[in-house]
Amino acid sequence: MSAFPITLPEQRSPWRLPARGPVAMYCLIAAEAAIFTIFVVAYIFYLGKSATGPQPAAVLRAPIFLTVCLLSSSLTIHLAVRSLRRRNVRGFACWWCGTIVLGGIFLAGTAREWRHLIYQDGLTIQTNLFGTTYYSLVGLHAFHVVMGLAALTTVLVFTIRGNVRPEHSERTEVLSMYWHFVDAVWVVVFTVVYLIGR
């Protein structure tokens, strides 16, 4: 009899390809992050180089309330996905709808800010370098919010029609990844435009 116990090799589960949805979303997020990086660097590079006014410090006001709304929507969409995983479709619909409302408030606030900048302060995309880079960067983010809200609203419509079930939680999680990315990008945009840029 051997003095040393015989150990059998560990049973390893076969390697599986990762799900296509998350991989595709990670690739999309990587590409979008690269685009945002270019716009952020351009904004910082041209900061303070406008020969004519208005300048950022004179017209920009930090949208604290809108930022709180958008960042809170990351929590509501997380709770929505968690509710669906727990087979609570009604809770999913409520939290998902809350995410849309918060995103809508942010978008409406951005539109209101732009209206004030254009008609009260005279800042358009053609006014100076600041106007060009500001509307390009903030507008790019607003475009992504619009696309996200369109996708979220589509899912909500399917939920109301009874087409969304607990087994679809992985798909909703993939969409939530995009929304979290939009929120994370706003933290960068807010910091660069409304804190550093002023």
Protein backbone atom coordinates (compact mmCIF):
# COMPACT_ATOMS: atom_id res chain seq x y z
CA MET A 1 0.00 0.00 0.00
CA SER A 2 1.41 3.36 -1.03
CA ALA A 3 2.20 5.89 1.68
CA PHE A 4 1.11 8.71 -0.60
CA PRO A 5 -2.54 9.12 -1.61
CA ILE A 6 -3.24 8.89 -5.29
CA THR A 7 -4.78 12.11 -6.62
CA LEU A 8 -6.91 12.01 -9.72
CA PRO A 9 -6.73 14.85 -12.23
CA GLU A 10 -9.42 17.47 -11.66
CA GLN A 11 -12.45 17.23 -13.84
CA ARG A 12 -12.57 20.37 -15.89
CA SER A 13 -15.67 21.52 -17.66
CA PRO A 14 -15.15 21.95 -21.40
CA TRP A 15 -14.34 25.46 -22.57
CA ARG A 16 -17.24 27.24 -24.21
CA LEU A 17 -17.33 30.22 -26.48
CA PRO A 18 -18.56 33.36 -24.70
CA ALA A 19 -22.07 34.52 -25.55
CA ARG A 20 -22.24 36.58 -28.72
CA GLY A 21 -24.34 39.38 -27.21
CA PRO A 22 -21.89 40.55 -24.52
CA VAL A 23 -18.90 40.14 -26.85
CA ALA A 24 -20.58 42.25 -29.52
CA MET A 25 -21.50 44.91 -26.95
CA TYR A 26 -17.94 45.00 -25.58
CA CYS A 27 -16.65 45.52 -29.12
CA LEU A 28 -19.20 48.30 -29.73
CA ILE A 29 -18.29 49.97 -26.44
CA ALA A 30 -14.57 49.79 -27.28
CA ALA A 31 -15.18 51.43 -30.66
CA GLU A 32 -17.42 54.11 -29.16
CA ALA A 33 -14.91 54.78 -26.38
CA ALA A 34 -12.25 55.44 -29.02
CA ILE A 35 -14.54 57.93 -30.78
CA PHE A 36 -15.33 59.73 -27.53
CA THR A 37 -11.63 59.86 -26.68
CA ILE A 38 -10.94 61.71 -29.94
CA PHE A 39 -13.71 64.24 -29.25
CA VAL A 40 -12.59 64.78 -25.64
CA VAL A 41 -8.96 65.31 -26.67
CA ALA A 42 -10.08 67.77 -29.37
CA TYR A 43 -12.17 69.69 -26.84
CA ILE A 44 -9.26 69.93 -24.40
CA PHE A 45 -6.78 70.83 -27.17
CA TYR A 46 -8.89 73.76 -28.43
CA LEU A 47 -9.88 74.95 -24.96
CA GLY A 48 -9.13 78.64 -24.53
CA LYS A 49 -8.09 79.10 -28.16
CA SER A 50 -11.25 80.89 -29.31
CA ALA A 51 -10.41 84.41 -30.50
CA THR A 52 -13.95 85.63 -29.98
CA GLY A 53 -16.59 85.06 -27.29
CA PRO A 54 -18.54 83.75 -25.63
CA GLN A 55 -16.15 81.72 -23.50
CA PRO A 56 -17.07 78.64 -21.40
CA ALA A 57 -16.91 80.39 -18.03
CA ALA A 58 -19.39 83.02 -19.20
CA VAL A 59 -22.14 80.74 -20.49
CA LEU A 60 -21.81 77.21 -19.06
CA ARG A 61 -23.64 76.20 -15.89
CA ALA A 62 -22.99 72.75 -14.46
CA PRO A 63 -26.13 70.60 -14.94
CA ILE A 64 -26.01 68.96 -11.51
CA PHE A 65 -29.66 67.86 -11.45
CA LEU A 66 -29.48 66.37 -14.94
CA THR A 67 -26.30 64.53 -14.01
CA VAL A 68 -27.94 63.06 -10.92
CA CYS A 69 -30.89 61.91 -13.07
CA LEU A 70 -28.68 60.23 -15.65
CA LEU A 71 -26.43 58.51 -13.13
CA SER A 72 -29.48 57.35 -11.16
CA SER A 73 -30.73 55.65 -14.31
CA SER A 74 -27.80 53.24 -14.05
CA LEU A 75 -29.24 52.07 -10.74
CA THR A 76 -32.78 51.72 -12.09
CA ILE A 77 -31.69 49.68 -15.11
CA HIS A 78 -29.60 47.44 -12.83
CA LEU A 79 -32.65 46.87 -10.62
CA ALA A 80 -34.76 46.19 -13.72
CA VAL A 81 -32.45 43.44 -14.96
CA ARG A 82 -32.23 41.95 -11.48
CA SER A 83 -36.03 41.91 -11.22
CA LEU A 84 -36.32 40.04 -14.51
CA ARG A 85 -33.75 37.50 -13.37
CA ARG A 86 -35.92 36.93 -10.32
CA ARG A 87 -38.93 36.34 -12.59
CA ASN A 88 -40.57 39.61 -11.56
CA VAL A 89 -41.68 40.96 -14.93
CA ARG A 90 -43.85 43.71 -13.41
CA GLY A 91 -40.94 44.98 -11.32
CA PHE A 92 -38.76 44.86 -14.41
CA ALA A 93 -41.25 46.99 -16.34
CA CYS A 94 -41.43 49.58 -13.53
CA TRP A 95 -37.68 49.95 -13.13
CA TRP A 96 -37.15 49.91 -16.90
CA CYS A 97 -39.75 52.64 -17.31
CA GLY A 98 -38.01 54.63 -14.56
CA THR A 99 -34.78 54.42 -16.54
CA ILE A 100 -36.52 55.82 -19.61
CA VAL A 101 -38.04 58.67 -17.60
CA LEU A 102 -34.69 59.63 -16.06
CA GLY A 103 -32.97 59.47 -19.45
CA GLY A 104 -35.78 61.57 -20.95
CA ILE A 105 -35.38 64.21 -18.24
CA PHE A 106 -31.66 64.39 -18.98
CA LEU A 107 -32.26 64.74 -22.71
CA ALA A 108 -34.94 67.40 -22.24
CA GLY A 109 -32.62 69.31 -19.93
CA THR A 110 -29.84 69.16 -22.51
CA ALA A 111 -32.20 70.52 -25.17
CA ARG A 112 -33.24 73.32 -22.82
CA GLU A 113 -29.60 74.17 -22.12
CA TRP A 114 -28.84 74.29 -25.83
CA ARG A 115 -31.85 76.54 -26.49
CA HIS A 116 -30.59 78.96 -23.86
CA LEU A 117 -27.03 78.88 -25.22
CA ILE A 118 -28.19 79.52 -28.77
CA TYR A 119 -30.91 82.14 -28.26
CA GLN A 120 -29.78 83.87 -25.05
CA ASP A 121 -25.98 83.60 -25.18
CA GLY A 122 -25.51 83.49 -28.94
CA LEU A 123 -23.38 80.34 -28.87
CA THR A 124 -23.84 78.14 -31.94
CA ILE A 125 -21.67 75.49 -33.51
CA GLN A 126 -20.30 78.17 -35.90
CA THR A 127 -19.66 80.91 -33.33
CA ASN A 128 -16.11 79.94 -32.38
CA LEU A 129 -13.87 76.94 -31.63
CA PHE A 130 -15.49 76.53 -28.23
CA GLY A 131 -18.97 76.32 -29.79
CA THR A 132 -17.79 73.81 -32.39
CA THR A 133 -16.09 71.48 -29.92
CA TYR A 134 -18.78 71.88 -27.24
CA TYR A 135 -21.72 70.97 -29.47
CA SER A 136 -19.72 68.20 -31.12
CA LEU A 137 -18.80 66.51 -27.83
CA VAL A 138 -22.04 67.06 -25.90
CA GLY A 139 -24.05 66.40 -29.06
CA LEU A 140 -22.28 63.08 -29.60
CA HIS A 141 -23.23 62.04 -26.09
CA ALA A 142 -26.82 63.26 -26.55
CA PHE A 143 -27.05 61.19 -29.74
CA HIS A 144 -26.05 58.08 -27.80
CA VAL A 145 -28.67 58.88 -25.16
CA VAL A 146 -31.31 59.14 -27.91
CA MET A 147 -30.28 55.77 -29.36
CA GLY A 148 -30.32 54.22 -25.91
CA LEU A 149 -33.76 55.60 -25.13
CA ALA A 150 -35.07 54.30 -28.45
CA ALA A 151 -33.81 50.80 -27.62
CA LEU A 152 -35.13 50.95 -24.05
CA THR A 153 -38.54 52.14 -25.25
CA THR A 154 -38.70 49.29 -27.76
CA VAL A 155 -38.06 46.77 -24.98
CA LEU A 156 -40.72 48.44 -22.82
CA VAL A 157 -43.27 48.15 -25.62
CA PHE A 158 -42.49 44.44 -25.98
CA THR A 159 -42.78 44.09 -22.20
CA ILE A 160 -46.22 45.70 -22.16
CA ARG A 161 -47.29 43.37 -24.95
CA GLY A 162 -46.16 40.40 -22.85
CA ASN A 163 -43.27 39.38 -25.07
CA VAL A 164 -40.51 39.84 -22.46
CA ARG A 165 -40.01 36.93 -20.09
CA PRO A 166 -37.42 35.95 -17.45
CA GLU A 167 -35.43 33.93 -19.99
CA HIS A 168 -34.72 37.21 -21.80
CA SER A 169 -32.78 38.65 -18.85
CA GLU A 170 -29.42 38.09 -20.57
CA ARG A 171 -30.52 40.15 -23.55
CA THR A 172 -31.73 43.01 -21.39
CA GLU A 173 -28.43 42.88 -19.52
CA VAL A 174 -26.56 43.37 -22.78
CA LEU A 175 -28.61 46.50 -23.44
CA SER A 176 -27.98 47.68 -19.89
CA MET A 177 -24.24 47.45 -20.61
CA TYR A 178 -24.69 50.10 -23.31
CA TRP A 179 -26.66 52.32 -20.95
CA HIS A 180 -24.00 52.03 -18.25
CA PHE A 181 -21.44 53.05 -20.86
CA VAL A 182 -23.48 56.14 -21.78
CA ASP A 183 -23.61 57.09 -18.11
CA ALA A 184 -19.88 56.52 -17.61
CA VAL A 185 -19.06 58.65 -20.65
CA TRP A 186 -21.16 61.46 -19.23
CA VAL A 187 -18.98 61.50 -16.10
CA VAL A 188 -15.99 62.16 -18.35
CA VAL A 189 -17.83 64.75 -20.47
CA PHE A 190 -19.18 66.53 -17.39
CA THR A 191 -15.73 66.65 -15.81
CA VAL A 192 -14.00 67.93 -18.94
CA VAL A 193 -16.65 70.43 -20.08
CA TYR A 194 -18.20 71.76 -16.86
CA LEU A 195 -15.37 71.38 -14.33
CA ILE A 196 -11.97 71.47 -16.07
CA GLY A 197 -13.13 73.48 -19.08
CA ARG A 198 -14.43 76.42 -17.07
